[in-house]
Amino acid sequence: MAQEQAHSGQQHPLKLYMVVWGLLFVLSTFSYLVDYLGIQSYLRWSLILLFMVLKAGLIVAIFMHMAWERLALICAILFPPVFVLVFTALMVSESHYTALTRLTFFGAGP
């Protein structure tokens, strides 16, 4: 009976993992093609970040089994990094304001 409980967990088909592996390979190829084709400027960084986020999403959803978890657990794992990024962006914005204020009132320095 103990063995039945150990093996009664959710089993995912191997084909799913192979398809995701193929998608990760294709997304990585697209990411390298951005550099190979010499795409520059904001388009380059936007494409690289887009492919990176898509790959990370696939890895988290399938290989870390987040696609089959409860919503509360998903929120508990995914929201904190988003909040850290938002607060980091706020701190960067405030640092630019502080630097501008110091230059305005105290000058460029010696």
C-alpha atoms as a PDB file:
ATOM      1  CA  MET A   1       0.000   0.000   0.000  1.00  0.00           C
ATOM      2  CA  ALA A   2       2.876   2.357   0.731  1.00  0.00           C
ATOM      3  CA  GLN A   3       4.274   1.741  -2.733  1.00  0.00           C
ATOM      4  CA  GLU A   4       0.931   2.555  -4.319  1.00  0.00           C
ATOM      5  CA  GLN A   5       0.859   5.908  -2.552  1.00  0.00           C
ATOM      6  CA  ALA A   6       4.420   6.635  -3.618  1.00  0.00           C
ATOM      7  CA  HIS A   7       3.575   5.961  -7.265  1.00  0.00           C
ATOM      8  CA  SER A   8       0.124   7.537  -7.273  1.00  0.00           C
ATOM      9  CA  GLY A   9       1.505  11.038  -7.881  1.00  0.00           C
ATOM     10  CA  GLN A  10       0.795  12.923 -11.046  1.00  0.00           C
ATOM     11  CA  GLN A  11       2.749  11.550 -13.990  1.00  0.00           C
ATOM     12  CA  HIS A  12       3.418  13.850 -16.931  1.00  0.00           C
ATOM     13  CA  PRO A  13       3.974  12.446 -20.398  1.00  0.00           C
ATOM     14  CA  LEU A  14       7.538  12.411 -21.655  1.00  0.00           C
ATOM     15  CA  LYS A  15       6.366  14.040 -24.891  1.00  0.00           C
ATOM     16  CA  LEU A  16       5.550  17.236 -22.975  1.00  0.00           C
ATOM     17  CA  TYR A  17       9.124  17.521 -21.729  1.00  0.00           C
ATOM     18  CA  MET A  18      10.518  16.866 -25.197  1.00  0.00           C
ATOM     19  CA  VAL A  19       8.284  19.545 -26.731  1.00  0.00           C
ATOM     20  CA  VAL A  20       9.353  22.044 -24.078  1.00  0.00           C
ATOM     21  CA  TRP A  21      12.994  21.112 -24.633  1.00  0.00           C
ATOM     22  CA  GLY A  22      12.491  21.734 -28.350  1.00  0.00           C
ATOM     23  CA  LEU A  23      10.865  25.104 -27.670  1.00  0.00           C
ATOM     24  CA  LEU A  24      13.754  26.072 -25.397  1.00  0.00           C
ATOM     25  CA  PHE A  25      16.184  25.107 -28.151  1.00  0.00           C
ATOM     26  CA  VAL A  26      14.273  27.197 -30.713  1.00  0.00           C
ATOM     27  CA  LEU A  27      14.084  30.210 -28.376  1.00  0.00           C
ATOM     28  CA  SER A  28      17.809  29.937 -27.659  1.00  0.00           C
ATOM     29  CA  THR A  29      18.479  29.786 -31.389  1.00  0.00           C
ATOM     30  CA  PHE A  30      16.422  32.945 -31.920  1.00  0.00           C
ATOM     31  CA  SER A  31      18.332  34.635 -29.118  1.00  0.00           C
ATOM     32  CA  TYR A  32      21.661  33.798 -30.753  1.00  0.00           C
ATOM     33  CA  LEU A  33      20.333  34.853 -34.160  1.00  0.00           C
ATOM     34  CA  VAL A  34      19.696  38.329 -32.788  1.00  0.00           C
ATOM     35  CA  ASP A  35      23.448  38.698 -32.258  1.00  0.00           C
ATOM     36  CA  TYR A  36      24.398  36.843 -35.431  1.00  0.00           C
ATOM     37  CA  LEU A  37      22.211  39.059 -37.610  1.00  0.00           C
ATOM     38  CA  GLY A  38      23.686  42.172 -36.022  1.00  0.00           C
ATOM     39  CA  ILE A  39      20.450  43.653 -34.739  1.00  0.00           C
ATOM     40  CA  GLN A  40      21.301  46.742 -32.695  1.00  0.00           C
ATOM     41  CA  SER A  41      19.720  49.300 -30.390  1.00  0.00           C
ATOM     42  CA  TYR A  42      16.626  48.782 -28.271  1.00  0.00           C
ATOM     43  CA  LEU A  43      15.260  46.148 -30.631  1.00  0.00           C
ATOM     44  CA  ARG A  44      18.214  43.889 -29.820  1.00  0.00           C
ATOM     45  CA  TRP A  45      17.777  44.152 -26.074  1.00  0.00           C
ATOM     46  CA  SER A  46      14.011  43.866 -26.317  1.00  0.00           C
ATOM     47  CA  LEU A  47      14.264  40.650 -28.329  1.00  0.00           C
ATOM     48  CA  ILE A  48      16.911  39.150 -26.053  1.00  0.00           C
ATOM     49  CA  LEU A  49      14.862  39.962 -22.954  1.00  0.00           C
ATOM     50  CA  LEU A  50      11.688  38.634 -24.567  1.00  0.00           C
ATOM     51  CA  PHE A  51      13.335  35.314 -25.417  1.00  0.00           C
ATOM     52  CA  MET A  52      14.873  35.148 -21.941  1.00  0.00           C
ATOM     53  CA  VAL A  53      11.514  35.692 -20.227  1.00  0.00           C
ATOM     54  CA  LEU A  54       9.815  33.124 -22.460  1.00  0.00           C
ATOM     55  CA  LYS A  55      12.488  30.530 -21.698  1.00  0.00           C
ATOM     56  CA  ALA A  56      12.329  31.242 -17.972  1.00  0.00           C
ATOM     57  CA  GLY A  57       8.545  30.971 -18.057  1.00  0.00           C
ATOM     58  CA  LEU A  58       8.683  27.590 -19.780  1.00  0.00           C
ATOM     59  CA  ILE A  59      11.259  26.293 -17.327  1.00  0.00           C
ATOM     60  CA  VAL A  60       9.305  27.474 -14.295  1.00  0.00           C
ATOM     61  CA  ALA A  61       5.943  26.288 -15.609  1.00  0.00           C
ATOM     62  CA  ILE A  62       6.934  22.836 -16.822  1.00  0.00           C
ATOM     63  CA  PHE A  63      10.187  21.681 -15.237  1.00  0.00           C
ATOM     64  CA  MET A  64       9.404  23.201 -11.839  1.00  0.00           C
ATOM     65  CA  HIS A  65       5.785  21.968 -12.132  1.00  0.00           C
ATOM     66  CA  MET A  66       4.311  25.413 -11.432  1.00  0.00           C
ATOM     67  CA  ALA A  67       1.654  24.915 -14.105  1.00  0.00           C
ATOM     68  CA  TRP A  68       0.036  22.281 -11.894  1.00  0.00           C
ATOM     69  CA  GLU A  69       0.335  24.052  -8.532  1.00  0.00           C
ATOM     70  CA  ARG A  70      -2.305  25.943  -6.605  1.00  0.00           C
ATOM     71  CA  LEU A  71      -2.698  29.639  -7.312  1.00  0.00           C
ATOM     72  CA  ALA A  72      -1.657  30.578  -3.761  1.00  0.00           C
ATOM     73  CA  LEU A  73       1.681  28.800  -4.135  1.00  0.00           C
ATOM     74  CA  ILE A  74       2.262  30.332  -7.546  1.00  0.00           C
ATOM     75  CA  CYS A  75       1.612  33.804  -6.141  1.00  0.00           C
ATOM     76  CA  ALA A  76       3.857  33.148  -3.151  1.00  0.00           C
ATOM     77  CA  ILE A  77       6.747  32.213  -5.430  1.00  0.00           C
ATOM     78  CA  LEU A  78       6.323  34.595  -8.360  1.00  0.00           C
ATOM     79  CA  PHE A  79       5.164  37.853  -6.752  1.00  0.00           C
ATOM     80  CA  PRO A  80       8.194  38.573  -4.510  1.00  0.00           C
ATOM     81  CA  PRO A  81      10.690  38.809  -7.411  1.00  0.00           C
ATOM     82  CA  VAL A  82       8.278  41.103  -9.248  1.00  0.00           C
ATOM     83  CA  PHE A  83       8.035  43.313  -6.178  1.00  0.00           C
ATOM     84  CA  VAL A  84      11.830  43.384  -5.872  1.00  0.00           C
ATOM     85  CA  LEU A  85      12.107  44.561  -9.480  1.00  0.00           C
ATOM     86  CA  VAL A  86       9.471  47.249  -8.941  1.00  0.00           C
ATOM     87  CA  PHE A  87      11.165  48.518  -5.784  1.00  0.00           C
ATOM     88  CA  THR A  88      14.546  48.483  -7.531  1.00  0.00           C
ATOM     89  CA  ALA A  89      13.107  50.585 -10.348  1.00  0.00           C
ATOM     90  CA  LEU A  90      11.712  53.013  -7.774  1.00  0.00           C
ATOM     91  CA  MET A  91      15.106  53.270  -6.069  1.00  0.00           C
ATOM     92  CA  VAL A  92      16.850  53.932  -9.391  1.00  0.00           C
ATOM     93  CA  SER A  93      14.328  56.649 -10.163  1.00  0.00           C
ATOM     94  CA  GLU A  94      14.848  58.215  -6.746  1.00  0.00           C
ATOM     95  CA  SER A  95      18.632  58.066  -7.110  1.00  0.00           C
ATOM     96  CA  HIS A  96      18.426  60.012 -10.375  1.00  0.00           C
ATOM     97  CA  TYR A  97      16.237  62.603  -8.674  1.00  0.00           C
ATOM     98  CA  THR A  98      18.684  62.863  -5.757  1.00  0.00           C
ATOM     99  CA  ALA A  99      21.666  63.264  -8.079  1.00  0.00           C
ATOM    100  CA  LEU A 100      19.858  65.937 -10.091  1.00  0.00           C
ATOM    101  CA  THR A 101      18.878  67.802  -6.920  1.00  0.00           C
ATOM    102  CA  ARG A 102      22.446  67.737  -5.604  1.00  0.00           C
ATOM    103  CA  LEU A 103      23.807  69.036  -8.889  1.00  0.00           C
ATOM    104  CA  THR A 104      21.183  71.782  -8.964  1.00  0.00           C
ATOM    105  CA  PHE A 105      21.748  73.059  -5.433  1.00  0.00           C
ATOM    106  CA  PHE A 106      25.390  72.220  -4.748  1.00  0.00           C
ATOM    107  CA  GLY A 107      26.930  72.508  -8.202  1.00  0.00           C
ATOM    108  CA  ALA A 108      29.232  70.165 -10.049  1.00  0.00           C
ATOM    109  CA  GLY A 109      31.780  70.022  -7.239  1.00  0.00           C
ATOM    110  CA  PRO A 110      35.441  71.018  -6.989  1.00  0.00           C
END
